[in-house]
Amino acid sequence: MVVHLLKLAVGADSLDHLKGWAGRQADANQMRTGKRTVSITTRSQPKRADDITSGGSLYWVIKGVLAARQPVLGFEPFKDGDGIGRIRIIMGPEVTAVRPRPCRPFQGWRYLRAEDAPPDWTLADVDEGMPQEMRRDLMELCLI
């Protein structure tokens, strides 16, 4: 059964900011390793790692709004500079907007059941007569 992760995008101001970070990290990883991936570090390995890597994504909360997702490709255990065990969550470079919805802050990451995950979302899903910038602003505020 596929399950997802939910995590705060600490430091990201917007979906575009998150996409820029992912693109820069993917470019750097491609030059260094030949693989176009993005990673973040966490303290603990998810117990449901197999359920996540079988089609799950990491859903990002940006400024109190569940707004985007990235596919999770795998998990890499490693030791940091102090010898403490950590987990690297490896993700694909593509950041996909999802239908925005409010989300309260939390620490670390949470599981997100597949049936509770918001659908992918594009600006084209909203009234075409509305200016694109206004649609984006209303989506980020979870008003549409």
Protein backbone atom coordinates (compact mmCIF):
# COMPACT_ATOMS: atom_id res chain seq x y z
CA MET A 1 0.00 0.00 0.00
CA VAL A 2 1.48 3.33 -1.10
CA VAL A 3 1.99 5.94 1.58
CA HIS A 4 3.49 9.43 1.40
CA LEU A 5 5.54 11.68 3.66
CA LEU A 6 4.50 15.18 4.73
CA LYS A 7 7.20 17.73 5.62
CA LEU A 8 7.51 21.47 6.18
CA ALA A 9 9.54 23.29 3.52
CA VAL A 10 11.44 25.36 6.07
CA GLY A 11 12.92 28.45 4.45
CA ALA A 12 10.84 28.22 1.28
CA ASP A 13 8.80 31.35 0.62
CA SER A 14 6.80 30.00 -2.32
CA LEU A 15 6.36 27.12 -4.72
CA ASP A 16 8.72 28.86 -7.16
CA HIS A 17 11.34 29.15 -4.41
CA LEU A 18 11.06 25.40 -3.68
CA LYS A 19 11.31 24.59 -7.40
CA GLY A 20 14.43 26.75 -7.69
CA TRP A 21 16.09 25.00 -4.73
CA ALA A 22 15.27 21.56 -6.17
CA GLY A 23 16.59 22.53 -9.59
CA ARG A 24 19.86 23.88 -8.21
CA GLN A 25 20.41 20.80 -6.04
CA ALA A 26 19.56 18.45 -8.94
CA ASP A 27 22.05 20.29 -11.19
CA ALA A 28 24.79 20.06 -8.54
CA ASN A 29 24.10 16.36 -7.89
CA GLN A 30 24.17 15.61 -11.62
CA MET A 31 27.60 17.23 -11.94
CA ARG A 32 28.91 15.44 -8.83
CA THR A 33 27.35 11.97 -9.16
CA GLY A 34 25.77 11.79 -12.61
CA LYS A 35 22.32 11.39 -11.00
CA ARG A 36 19.73 14.15 -11.19
CA THR A 37 18.28 13.78 -7.70
CA VAL A 38 17.43 15.95 -4.71
CA SER A 39 17.87 14.96 -1.08
CA ILE A 40 17.03 16.11 2.43
CA THR A 41 18.33 14.77 5.73
CA THR A 42 16.26 13.49 8.63
CA ARG A 43 17.02 11.71 11.89
CA SER A 44 15.01 8.55 11.59
CA GLN A 45 14.26 5.99 8.90
CA PRO A 46 10.53 5.70 8.18
CA LYS A 47 9.30 2.27 9.25
CA ARG A 48 7.12 2.19 6.14
CA ALA A 49 10.00 2.91 3.73
CA ASP A 50 8.93 0.16 1.32
CA ASP A 51 5.41 1.63 1.10
CA ILE A 52 6.89 5.06 0.38
CA THR A 53 9.36 3.94 -2.30
CA SER A 54 6.64 1.96 -4.11
CA GLY A 55 5.15 5.12 -5.61
CA GLY A 56 5.03 7.57 -2.71
CA SER A 57 5.96 11.23 -2.67
CA LEU A 58 7.16 13.78 -0.16
CA TYR A 59 4.43 16.42 0.16
CA TRP A 60 5.71 19.90 1.03
CA VAL A 61 4.00 22.40 3.33
CA ILE A 62 5.01 25.95 2.38
CA LYS A 63 4.05 28.74 4.78
CA GLY A 64 1.16 26.78 6.28
CA VAL A 65 -0.14 25.44 2.96
CA LEU A 66 0.27 21.89 1.66
CA ALA A 67 1.37 22.97 -1.82
CA ALA A 68 3.66 20.54 -3.66
CA ARG A 69 5.10 17.05 -3.90
CA GLN A 70 8.26 15.30 -5.08
CA PRO A 71 8.56 11.57 -5.79
CA VAL A 72 10.56 9.63 -3.19
CA LEU A 73 13.13 7.36 -4.84
CA GLY A 74 14.82 5.89 -1.78
CA PHE A 75 16.50 6.27 1.60
CA GLU A 76 20.25 6.30 2.35
CA PRO A 77 21.55 5.85 5.89
CA PHE A 78 24.79 7.68 6.73
CA LYS A 79 26.72 9.10 9.68
CA ASP A 80 27.12 12.85 10.02
CA GLY A 81 30.32 14.64 11.04
CA ASP A 82 29.66 13.81 14.71
CA GLY A 83 29.16 10.11 13.98
CA ILE A 84 25.39 10.31 14.50
CA GLY A 85 23.24 8.14 12.23
CA ARG A 86 21.04 10.05 9.81
CA ILE A 87 18.84 9.23 6.82
CA ARG A 88 18.99 10.94 3.46
CA ILE A 89 15.63 10.98 1.65
CA ILE A 90 16.37 10.79 -2.07
CA MET A 91 13.78 12.40 -4.36
CA GLY A 92 13.28 13.09 -8.02
CA PRO A 93 14.00 16.67 -9.12
CA GLU A 94 10.49 17.48 -10.32
CA VAL A 95 8.33 19.52 -7.93
CA THR A 96 4.64 19.14 -8.76
CA ALA A 97 2.04 21.60 -7.50
CA VAL A 98 -0.91 20.02 -5.70
CA ARG A 99 -4.32 21.43 -4.89
CA PRO A 100 -3.42 23.69 -1.96
CA ARG A 101 -4.91 23.24 1.48
CA PRO A 102 -4.06 24.62 4.91
CA CYS A 103 -1.77 22.57 7.14
CA ARG A 104 -0.76 23.28 10.72
CA PRO A 105 2.94 23.32 11.61
CA PHE A 106 4.66 20.23 13.03
CA GLN A 107 8.20 18.98 13.58
CA GLY A 108 9.96 16.39 11.47
CA TRP A 109 7.82 14.50 8.98
CA ARG A 110 4.47 12.74 9.08
CA TYR A 111 2.92 9.91 7.10
CA LEU A 112 0.20 10.89 4.63
CA ARG A 113 -2.19 8.18 3.47
CA ALA A 114 -2.66 7.98 -0.30
CA GLU A 115 -6.39 8.67 0.02
CA ASP A 116 -5.67 11.85 2.02
CA ALA A 117 -3.14 13.25 -0.46
CA PRO A 118 -4.35 16.22 -2.50
CA PRO A 119 -4.50 15.83 -6.29
CA ASP A 120 -1.97 17.42 -8.61
CA TRP A 121 -2.94 20.95 -9.57
CA THR A 122 -2.09 23.36 -12.36
CA LEU A 123 -3.00 26.96 -12.99
CA ALA A 124 -4.96 25.71 -16.00
CA ASP A 125 -7.34 23.96 -13.56
CA VAL A 126 -8.64 27.39 -12.54
CA ASP A 127 -10.73 29.84 -14.59
CA GLU A 128 -8.71 30.83 -17.65
CA GLY A 129 -10.25 34.34 -17.62
CA MET A 130 -8.41 35.17 -14.39
CA PRO A 131 -4.89 36.63 -14.66
CA GLN A 132 -2.23 33.98 -13.99
CA GLU A 133 -0.60 35.92 -11.13
CA MET A 134 -3.96 36.35 -9.38
CA ARG A 135 -4.71 32.62 -9.76
CA ARG A 136 -1.32 31.74 -8.28
CA ASP A 137 -1.84 34.12 -5.33
CA LEU A 138 -5.34 32.78 -4.62
CA MET A 139 -4.07 29.18 -4.83
CA GLU A 140 -1.25 29.91 -2.38
CA LEU A 141 -3.82 31.35 0.04
CA CYS A 142 -5.98 28.21 -0.42
CA LEU A 143 -8.86 30.34 -1.61
CA ILE A 144 -9.28 28.37 -4.86
